[in-house]
Amino acid sequence: MQFTIGGQVIRVSLRDFAELSEAVGQRLAAREGFALATLNLDHLVKMRSDAAFARAYARQDMVVADGNPIVWLSRLAGEPVELLPGSDLIRPLCRMAAGAGVPVAFVGSDAETLRAAGDELEAAFPGLQVVERCAPPMGFDPDGAGAAEILARLEAEGVGLCFLALGAPKQERLAARGRALAPGVGFVSIGAGLDFISGRQKRAPVWVRRLAMEWVWRALGDLRRLGPRYAKCIAILPRLVLGALRRRMSGGAQH
């Protein structure tokens, strides 16, 4: 399943958790870095007006479907993929890191959240080593000197897996830059995932997620901020649906 935005091809490259587990497991075992992004409609909206974001996304080694609309579009296109939210990937990937003896880092959010999330995950997965918990200051620039220093530190410390909780597009841009400056690090962009683990934010109940209504839960909790965002997501759906149907019929790239 793929989308073409501003000349950049954004492809959901992993169909399900089995493929993700195999791909990440191989990289961790070989101590090879990677960049993993979790695609949703909001990202597609942002990429249409942010060429740097689109370029960074196209440079990700792995992309999974983070939102149900992406899953539904993949089915329309005849290329079904499984829903793999970034928040749901943290625990299984930490389990893999602990088993492989790979040091882990957190970059993003705030110091208290990173401390609480790290303590929770280390207790849940014996052997897990969270060796770096970095909360960049407000105005953090993923292309700036401070970002380069963080990436150099991760590489020097032998970090094999780094969860980025900076929000889009900063986390994906930092991951793309990290492929050059910290080639041994596997970067996973997870948005608010650490906030949920630390208890700072409450995630929608499981039954709400199973009904594919988590976005409604979130919107009701912060309608002023999230209402306009979701409206933009809904606005691009008709074009994406037509693109998925064309892809199904022709086998060509979606536009």
C-alpha atoms as a PDB file:
ATOM      1  CA  MET A   1       0.000   0.000   0.000  1.00  0.00           C
ATOM      2  CA  GLN A   2       1.490   3.327  -0.995  1.00  0.00           C
ATOM      3  CA  PHE A   3       0.771   7.021  -1.427  1.00  0.00           C
ATOM      4  CA  THR A   4       2.524   9.533  -3.674  1.00  0.00           C
ATOM      5  CA  ILE A   5       2.843  13.015  -2.174  1.00  0.00           C
ATOM      6  CA  GLY A   6       4.841  15.781  -3.805  1.00  0.00           C
ATOM      7  CA  GLY A   7       6.850  13.276  -5.790  1.00  0.00           C
ATOM      8  CA  GLN A   8       7.676  11.239  -2.684  1.00  0.00           C
ATOM      9  CA  VAL A   9       6.460   7.639  -2.437  1.00  0.00           C
ATOM     10  CA  ILE A  10       5.224   6.768   1.054  1.00  0.00           C
ATOM     11  CA  ARG A  11       4.828   3.013   1.287  1.00  0.00           C
ATOM     12  CA  VAL A  12       3.375   0.896   4.087  1.00  0.00           C
ATOM     13  CA  SER A  13       6.107  -1.706   3.868  1.00  0.00           C
ATOM     14  CA  LEU A  14       5.187  -4.158   6.642  1.00  0.00           C
ATOM     15  CA  ARG A  15       1.860  -5.942   6.487  1.00  0.00           C
ATOM     16  CA  ASP A  16       1.534  -7.296  10.021  1.00  0.00           C
ATOM     17  CA  PHE A  17       3.261  -7.766  13.347  1.00  0.00           C
ATOM     18  CA  ALA A  18       4.927 -10.987  12.214  1.00  0.00           C
ATOM     19  CA  GLU A  19       6.738  -9.120   9.438  1.00  0.00           C
ATOM     20  CA  LEU A  20       7.594  -6.277  11.795  1.00  0.00           C
ATOM     21  CA  SER A  21       8.954  -8.630  14.438  1.00  0.00           C
ATOM     22  CA  GLU A  22      11.108 -10.444  11.896  1.00  0.00           C
ATOM     23  CA  ALA A  23      12.465  -7.252  10.340  1.00  0.00           C
ATOM     24  CA  VAL A  24      13.272  -5.555  13.649  1.00  0.00           C
ATOM     25  CA  GLY A  25      14.631  -8.767  15.172  1.00  0.00           C
ATOM     26  CA  GLN A  26      17.093  -9.163  12.317  1.00  0.00           C
ATOM     27  CA  ARG A  27      18.296  -5.563  12.676  1.00  0.00           C
ATOM     28  CA  LEU A  28      18.704  -5.847  16.442  1.00  0.00           C
ATOM     29  CA  ALA A  29      20.597  -9.138  16.160  1.00  0.00           C
ATOM     30  CA  ALA A  30      22.952  -7.661  13.568  1.00  0.00           C
ATOM     31  CA  ARG A  31      23.239  -4.366  15.493  1.00  0.00           C
ATOM     32  CA  GLU A  32      22.059  -2.534  12.411  1.00  0.00           C
ATOM     33  CA  GLY A  33      20.032   0.647  12.649  1.00  0.00           C
ATOM     34  CA  PHE A  34      16.711   1.454  11.036  1.00  0.00           C
ATOM     35  CA  ALA A  35      13.904   4.016  11.046  1.00  0.00           C
ATOM     36  CA  LEU A  36      10.332   2.878  11.653  1.00  0.00           C
ATOM     37  CA  ALA A  37       7.367   5.234  11.143  1.00  0.00           C
ATOM     38  CA  THR A  38       3.702   4.690  11.989  1.00  0.00           C
ATOM     39  CA  LEU A  39       1.498   6.190   9.285  1.00  0.00           C
ATOM     40  CA  ASN A  40      -1.889   7.808   9.881  1.00  0.00           C
ATOM     41  CA  LEU A  41      -4.145  10.310   8.110  1.00  0.00           C
ATOM     42  CA  ASP A  42      -2.797  13.257  10.074  1.00  0.00           C
ATOM     43  CA  HIS A  43       0.670  12.505   8.714  1.00  0.00           C
ATOM     44  CA  LEU A  44      -0.655  12.399   5.153  1.00  0.00           C
ATOM     45  CA  VAL A  45      -2.314  15.788   5.699  1.00  0.00           C
ATOM     46  CA  LYS A  46       0.894  17.310   7.066  1.00  0.00           C
ATOM     47  CA  MET A  47       3.022  15.919   4.260  1.00  0.00           C
ATOM     48  CA  ARG A  48       0.914  17.682   1.644  1.00  0.00           C
ATOM     49  CA  SER A  49       2.082  21.058   2.954  1.00  0.00           C
ATOM     50  CA  ASP A  50       5.475  20.040   4.386  1.00  0.00           C
ATOM     51  CA  ALA A  51       7.915  18.814   1.763  1.00  0.00           C
ATOM     52  CA  ALA A  52      10.645  18.153   4.358  1.00  0.00           C
ATOM     53  CA  PHE A  53       8.274  15.871   6.249  1.00  0.00           C
ATOM     54  CA  ALA A  54       7.408  13.957   3.078  1.00  0.00           C
ATOM     55  CA  ARG A  55      11.085  13.534   2.230  1.00  0.00           C
ATOM     56  CA  ALA A  56      11.837  12.274   5.738  1.00  0.00           C
ATOM     57  CA  TYR A  57       8.966   9.794   5.568  1.00  0.00           C
ATOM     58  CA  ALA A  58      10.140   8.462   2.215  1.00  0.00           C
ATOM     59  CA  ARG A  59      13.533   7.740   3.839  1.00  0.00           C
ATOM     60  CA  GLN A  60      12.094   5.517   6.571  1.00  0.00           C
ATOM     61  CA  ASP A  61      13.216   1.893   6.327  1.00  0.00           C
ATOM     62  CA  MET A  62       9.906   0.566   7.645  1.00  0.00           C
ATOM     63  CA  VAL A  63       6.389   1.983   7.725  1.00  0.00           C
ATOM     64  CA  VAL A  64       3.321   0.445   9.369  1.00  0.00           C
ATOM     65  CA  ALA A  65      -0.344   1.461   9.526  1.00  0.00           C
ATOM     66  CA  ASP A  66      -1.058   3.425  12.682  1.00  0.00           C
ATOM     67  CA  GLY A  67      -4.676   4.361  11.912  1.00  0.00           C
ATOM     68  CA  ASN A  68      -7.772   2.406  10.914  1.00  0.00           C
ATOM     69  CA  PRO A  69      -8.352   4.602   7.824  1.00  0.00           C
ATOM     70  CA  ILE A  70      -4.977   3.464   6.475  1.00  0.00           C
ATOM     71  CA  VAL A  71      -6.033  -0.145   7.073  1.00  0.00           C
ATOM     72  CA  TRP A  72      -9.379   0.401   5.338  1.00  0.00           C
ATOM     73  CA  LEU A  73      -7.698   2.092   2.381  1.00  0.00           C
ATOM     74  CA  SER A  74      -5.270  -0.820   2.070  1.00  0.00           C
ATOM     75  CA  ARG A  75      -8.209  -3.225   1.855  1.00  0.00           C
ATOM     76  CA  LEU A  76      -9.856  -1.109  -0.835  1.00  0.00           C
ATOM     77  CA  ALA A  77      -6.599  -1.177  -2.768  1.00  0.00           C
ATOM     78  CA  GLY A  78      -6.426  -4.972  -2.481  1.00  0.00           C
ATOM     79  CA  GLU A  79      -3.225  -4.760  -0.422  1.00  0.00           C
ATOM     80  CA  PRO A  80      -4.465  -5.357   3.157  1.00  0.00           C
ATOM     81  CA  VAL A  81      -2.279  -4.462   6.101  1.00  0.00           C
ATOM     82  CA  GLU A  82      -2.759  -4.895   9.845  1.00  0.00           C
ATOM     83  CA  LEU A  83      -3.326  -2.058  12.303  1.00  0.00           C
ATOM     84  CA  LEU A  84      -0.087  -1.492  14.251  1.00  0.00           C
ATOM     85  CA  PRO A  85      -0.355   1.649  16.413  1.00  0.00           C
ATOM     86  CA  GLY A  86       2.939   3.024  17.640  1.00  0.00           C
ATOM     87  CA  SER A  87       1.694   2.942  21.237  1.00  0.00           C
ATOM     88  CA  ASP A  88       1.101  -0.806  20.926  1.00  0.00           C
ATOM     89  CA  LEU A  89       4.615  -1.480  19.641  1.00  0.00           C
ATOM     90  CA  ILE A  90       6.569  -0.179  22.629  1.00  0.00           C
ATOM     91  CA  ARG A  91       6.147  -3.152  24.939  1.00  0.00           C
ATOM     92  CA  PRO A  92       6.800  -5.929  22.393  1.00  0.00           C
ATOM     93  CA  LEU A  93       9.826  -4.088  21.020  1.00  0.00           C
ATOM     94  CA  CYS A  94      11.167  -3.588  24.546  1.00  0.00           C
ATOM     95  CA  ARG A  95      10.736  -7.315  25.121  1.00  0.00           C
ATOM     96  CA  MET A  96      12.759  -7.982  21.985  1.00  0.00           C
ATOM     97  CA  ALA A  97      15.465  -5.505  23.042  1.00  0.00           C
ATOM     98  CA  ALA A  98      15.731  -7.095  26.478  1.00  0.00           C
ATOM     99  CA  GLY A  99      16.078 -10.545  24.940  1.00  0.00           C
ATOM    100  CA  ALA A 100      18.735  -9.366  22.518  1.00  0.00           C
ATOM    101  CA  GLY A 101      20.665  -7.411  25.156  1.00  0.00           C
ATOM    102  CA  VAL A 102      20.194  -4.188  23.195  1.00  0.00           C
ATOM    103  CA  PRO A 103      20.318  -0.893  25.159  1.00  0.00           C
ATOM    104  CA  VAL A 104      17.263   1.346  24.741  1.00  0.00           C
ATOM    105  CA  ALA A 105      16.825   5.134  24.723  1.00  0.00           C
ATOM    106  CA  PHE A 106      13.900   7.553  24.912  1.00  0.00           C
ATOM    107  CA  VAL A 107      13.973  10.961  23.227  1.00  0.00           C
ATOM    108  CA  GLY A 108      11.076  13.388  23.592  1.00  0.00           C
ATOM    109  CA  SER A 109       8.206  14.167  25.977  1.00  0.00           C
ATOM    110  CA  ASP A 110       9.422  15.450  29.384  1.00  0.00           C
ATOM    111  CA  ALA A 111      11.797  14.221  32.077  1.00  0.00           C
ATOM    112  CA  GLU A 112       9.104  12.979  34.463  1.00  0.00           C
ATOM    113  CA  THR A 113       7.302  11.015  31.764  1.00  0.00           C
ATOM    114  CA  LEU A 114      10.538   9.427  30.574  1.00  0.00           C
ATOM    115  CA  ARG A 115      11.521   8.473  34.117  1.00  0.00           C
ATOM    116  CA  ALA A 116       8.156   6.885  34.896  1.00  0.00           C
ATOM    117  CA  ALA A 117       7.893   5.081  31.548  1.00  0.00           C
ATOM    118  CA  GLY A 118      11.459   3.792  31.808  1.00  0.00           C
ATOM    119  CA  ASP A 119      10.920   2.479  35.322  1.00  0.00           C
ATOM    120  CA  GLU A 120       7.669   0.774  34.274  1.00  0.00           C
ATOM    121  CA  LEU A 121       9.226  -0.917  31.251  1.00  0.00           C
ATOM    122  CA  GLU A 122      12.390  -2.028  33.058  1.00  0.00           C
ATOM    123  CA  ALA A 123      10.212  -3.629  35.741  1.00  0.00           C
ATOM    124  CA  ALA A 124       8.039  -5.329  33.131  1.00  0.00           C
ATOM    125  CA  PHE A 125      10.932  -6.732  31.077  1.00  0.00           C
ATOM    126  CA  PRO A 126      13.860  -8.030  33.165  1.00  0.00           C
ATOM    127  CA  GLY A 127      17.141  -7.317  31.441  1.00  0.00           C
ATOM    128  CA  LEU A 128      15.878  -4.216  29.671  1.00  0.00           C
ATOM    129  CA  GLN A 129      18.391  -1.368  29.909  1.00  0.00           C
ATOM    130  CA  VAL A 130      17.061   2.142  29.336  1.00  0.00           C
ATOM    131  CA  VAL A 131      20.407   3.906  29.156  1.00  0.00           C
ATOM    132  CA  GLU A 132      19.295   7.302  27.841  1.00  0.00           C
ATOM    133  CA  ARG A 133      16.230   9.405  28.676  1.00  0.00           C
ATOM    134  CA  CYS A 134      16.474  12.715  26.839  1.00  0.00           C
ATOM    135  CA  ALA A 135      13.741  15.366  26.953  1.00  0.00           C
ATOM    136  CA  PRO A 136      14.757  18.091  24.466  1.00  0.00           C
ATOM    137  CA  PRO A 137      13.817  21.710  25.251  1.00  0.00           C
ATOM    138  CA  MET A 138      10.907  23.584  23.691  1.00  0.00           C
ATOM    139  CA  GLY A 139      11.636  24.615  20.135  1.00  0.00           C
ATOM    140  CA  PHE A 140      13.806  21.551  19.510  1.00  0.00           C
ATOM    141  CA  ASP A 141      15.006  21.481  15.916  1.00  0.00           C
ATOM    142  CA  PRO A 142      15.624  17.984  14.486  1.00  0.00           C
ATOM    143  CA  ASP A 143      17.962  19.563  11.941  1.00  0.00           C
ATOM    144  CA  GLY A 144      19.921  21.633  14.473  1.00  0.00           C
ATOM    145  CA  ALA A 145      23.206  21.207  16.304  1.00  0.00           C
ATOM    146  CA  GLY A 146      21.474  19.998  19.469  1.00  0.00           C
ATOM    147  CA  ALA A 147      19.873  17.156  17.561  1.00  0.00           C
ATOM    148  CA  ALA A 148      23.236  16.173  16.101  1.00  0.00           C
ATOM    149  CA  GLU A 149      24.687  16.021  19.617  1.00  0.00           C
ATOM    150  CA  ILE A 150      21.866  13.744  20.785  1.00  0.00           C
ATOM    151  CA  LEU A 151      22.342  11.414  17.836  1.00  0.00           C
ATOM    152  CA  ALA A 152      26.102  11.260  18.384  1.00  0.00           C
ATOM    153  CA  ARG A 153      25.531  10.410  22.051  1.00  0.00           C
ATOM    154  CA  LEU A 154      23.123   7.596  21.194  1.00  0.00           C
ATOM    155  CA  GLU A 155      25.640   6.097  18.788  1.00  0.00           C
ATOM    156  CA  ALA A 156      28.512   6.429  21.273  1.00  0.00           C
ATOM    157  CA  GLU A 157      26.491   4.777  24.046  1.00  0.00           C
ATOM    158  CA  GLY A 158      25.735   1.768  21.868  1.00  0.00           C
ATOM    159  CA  VAL A 159      21.980   2.328  21.882  1.00  0.00           C
ATOM    160  CA  GLY A 160      20.294  -0.179  19.592  1.00  0.00           C
ATOM    161  CA  LEU A 161      16.683   0.935  19.930  1.00  0.00           C
ATOM    162  CA  CYS A 162      15.451   4.502  20.423  1.00  0.00           C
ATOM    163  CA  PHE A 163      11.823   5.482  20.888  1.00  0.00           C
ATOM    164  CA  LEU A 164      11.077   8.978  19.590  1.00  0.00           C
ATOM    165  CA  ALA A 165       8.226  10.782  21.357  1.00  0.00           C
ATOM    166  CA  LEU A 166       8.575  14.181  19.696  1.00  0.00           C
ATOM    167  CA  GLY A 167       5.382  14.188  17.657  1.00  0.00           C
ATOM    168  CA  ALA A 168       5.148  14.500  13.884  1.00  0.00           C
ATOM    169  CA  PRO A 169       7.004  15.738  11.934  1.00  0.00           C
ATOM    170  CA  LYS A 170       9.935  16.199  14.323  1.00  0.00           C
ATOM    171  CA  GLN A 171      10.306  12.550  15.274  1.00  0.00           C
ATOM    172  CA  GLU A 172      10.312  11.266  11.682  1.00  0.00           C
ATOM    173  CA  ARG A 173      12.750  13.977  10.609  1.00  0.00           C
ATOM    174  CA  LEU A 174      15.097  13.109  13.472  1.00  0.00           C
ATOM    175  CA  ALA A 175      14.863   9.405  12.618  1.00  0.00           C
ATOM    176  CA  ALA A 176      15.751  10.104   8.991  1.00  0.00           C
ATOM    177  CA  ARG A 177      18.727  12.194  10.069  1.00  0.00           C
ATOM    178  CA  GLY A 178      19.746   9.517  12.527  1.00  0.00           C
ATOM    179  CA  ARG A 179      20.204   6.988   9.742  1.00  0.00           C
ATOM    180  CA  ALA A 180      23.302   8.940   8.704  1.00  0.00           C
ATOM    181  CA  LEU A 181      24.563  10.231  12.059  1.00  0.00           C
ATOM    182  CA  ALA A 182      23.693   7.203  14.213  1.00  0.00           C
ATOM    183  CA  PRO A 183      23.646   4.237  11.800  1.00  0.00           C
ATOM    184  CA  GLY A 184      23.690   1.653  14.577  1.00  0.00           C
ATOM    185  CA  VAL A 185      20.472   2.898  16.202  1.00  0.00           C
ATOM    186  CA  GLY A 186      16.973   1.670  15.410  1.00  0.00           C
ATOM    187  CA  PHE A 187      14.555   4.605  15.642  1.00  0.00           C
ATOM    188  CA  VAL A 188      10.847   4.057  16.303  1.00  0.00           C
ATOM    189  CA  SER A 189       8.483   7.052  16.167  1.00  0.00           C
ATOM    190  CA  ILE A 190       5.731   6.509  18.739  1.00  0.00           C
ATOM    191  CA  GLY A 191       4.124   9.916  19.426  1.00  0.00           C
ATOM    192  CA  ALA A 192       2.323   9.871  22.784  1.00  0.00           C
ATOM    193  CA  GLY A 193       3.069   6.212  23.516  1.00  0.00           C
ATOM    194  CA  LEU A 194       5.320   6.896  26.509  1.00  0.00           C
ATOM    195  CA  ASP A 195       2.694   9.246  27.972  1.00  0.00           C
ATOM    196  CA  PHE A 196       0.272   6.316  28.096  1.00  0.00           C
ATOM    197  CA  ILE A 197       2.801   3.974  29.715  1.00  0.00           C
ATOM    198  CA  SER A 198       3.788   6.558  32.339  1.00  0.00           C
ATOM    199  CA  GLY A 199       0.160   7.308  33.147  1.00  0.00           C
ATOM    200  CA  ARG A 200       0.464  10.940  32.120  1.00  0.00           C
ATOM    201  CA  GLN A 201      -2.292  10.449  29.543  1.00  0.00           C
ATOM    202  CA  LYS A 202      -5.174   7.995  29.646  1.00  0.00           C
ATOM    203  CA  ARG A 203      -5.699   5.977  26.506  1.00  0.00           C
ATOM    204  CA  ALA A 204      -9.119   5.040  25.198  1.00  0.00           C
ATOM    205  CA  PRO A 205     -10.518   1.796  26.682  1.00  0.00           C
ATOM    206  CA  VAL A 206      -9.893  -1.385  24.714  1.00  0.00           C
ATOM    207  CA  TRP A 207     -13.555  -1.665  23.684  1.00  0.00           C
ATOM    208  CA  VAL A 208     -13.408   1.821  22.156  1.00  0.00           C
ATOM    209  CA  ARG A 209     -10.287   0.880  20.186  1.00  0.00           C
ATOM    210  CA  ARG A 210     -11.904  -2.324  18.951  1.00  0.00           C
ATOM    211  CA  LEU A 211     -14.765  -0.246  17.558  1.00  0.00           C
ATOM    212  CA  ALA A 212     -12.195   1.917  15.713  1.00  0.00           C
ATOM    213  CA  MET A 213     -13.433   4.939  17.666  1.00  0.00           C
ATOM    214  CA  GLU A 214     -10.265   5.956  19.504  1.00  0.00           C
ATOM    215  CA  TRP A 215     -10.099   9.148  17.446  1.00  0.00           C
ATOM    216  CA  VAL A 216     -13.538  10.150  18.765  1.00  0.00           C
ATOM    217  CA  TRP A 217     -12.396   9.485  22.334  1.00  0.00           C
ATOM    218  CA  ARG A 218      -9.343  11.675  21.819  1.00  0.00           C
ATOM    219  CA  ALA A 219     -11.267  14.430  20.053  1.00  0.00           C
ATOM    220  CA  LEU A 220     -13.830  14.690  22.844  1.00  0.00           C
ATOM    221  CA  GLY A 221     -10.998  15.079  25.336  1.00  0.00           C
ATOM    222  CA  ASP A 222      -9.457  18.044  23.473  1.00  0.00           C
ATOM    223  CA  LEU A 223     -11.968  19.217  20.890  1.00  0.00           C
ATOM    224  CA  ARG A 224     -10.457  22.685  20.390  1.00  0.00           C
ATOM    225  CA  ARG A 225      -7.048  21.287  19.401  1.00  0.00           C
ATOM    226  CA  LEU A 226      -7.989  18.006  17.744  1.00  0.00           C
ATOM    227  CA  GLY A 227     -11.274  19.010  16.077  1.00  0.00           C
ATOM    228  CA  PRO A 228      -9.622  20.982  13.221  1.00  0.00           C
ATOM    229  CA  ARG A 229      -7.000  18.248  12.799  1.00  0.00           C
ATOM    230  CA  TYR A 230      -9.583  15.515  12.346  1.00  0.00           C
ATOM    231  CA  ALA A 231     -11.646  17.720  10.040  1.00  0.00           C
ATOM    232  CA  LYS A 232      -8.641  17.998   7.714  1.00  0.00           C
ATOM    233  CA  CYS A 233      -8.188  14.221   7.858  1.00  0.00           C
ATOM    234  CA  ILE A 234     -11.812  13.621   6.898  1.00  0.00           C
ATOM    235  CA  ALA A 235     -11.512  16.134   4.049  1.00  0.00           C
ATOM    236  CA  ILE A 236      -8.782  14.167   2.266  1.00  0.00           C
ATOM    237  CA  LEU A 237     -10.526  10.795   2.570  1.00  0.00           C
ATOM    238  CA  PRO A 238     -12.584  10.970  -0.663  1.00  0.00           C
ATOM    239  CA  ARG A 239      -9.442  11.526  -2.741  1.00  0.00           C
ATOM    240  CA  LEU A 240      -7.635   8.713  -0.939  1.00  0.00           C
ATOM    241  CA  VAL A 241     -10.566   6.341  -1.428  1.00  0.00           C
ATOM    242  CA  LEU A 242     -10.600   7.049  -5.172  1.00  0.00           C
ATOM    243  CA  GLY A 243      -6.853   6.508  -5.290  1.00  0.00           C
ATOM    244  CA  ALA A 244      -7.160   3.167  -3.494  1.00  0.00           C
ATOM    245  CA  LEU A 245      -9.874   2.003  -5.905  1.00  0.00           C
ATOM    246  CA  ARG A 246      -7.755   3.024  -8.905  1.00  0.00           C
ATOM    247  CA  ARG A 247      -4.837   1.130  -7.441  1.00  0.00           C
ATOM    248  CA  ARG A 248      -6.988  -1.976  -7.025  1.00  0.00           C
ATOM    249  CA  MET A 249      -8.191  -1.812 -10.619  1.00  0.00           C
ATOM    250  CA  SER A 250      -4.925  -0.910 -12.314  1.00  0.00           C
ATOM    251  CA  GLY A 251      -2.187  -2.048  -9.965  1.00  0.00           C
ATOM    252  CA  GLY A 252      -0.537   1.376 -10.469  1.00  0.00           C
ATOM    253  CA  ALA A 253       0.717   3.859  -7.866  1.00  0.00           C
ATOM    254  CA  GLN A 254      -1.883   5.712  -5.839  1.00  0.00           C
ATOM    255  CA  HIS A 255      -2.064   9.500  -6.410  1.00  0.00           C
END
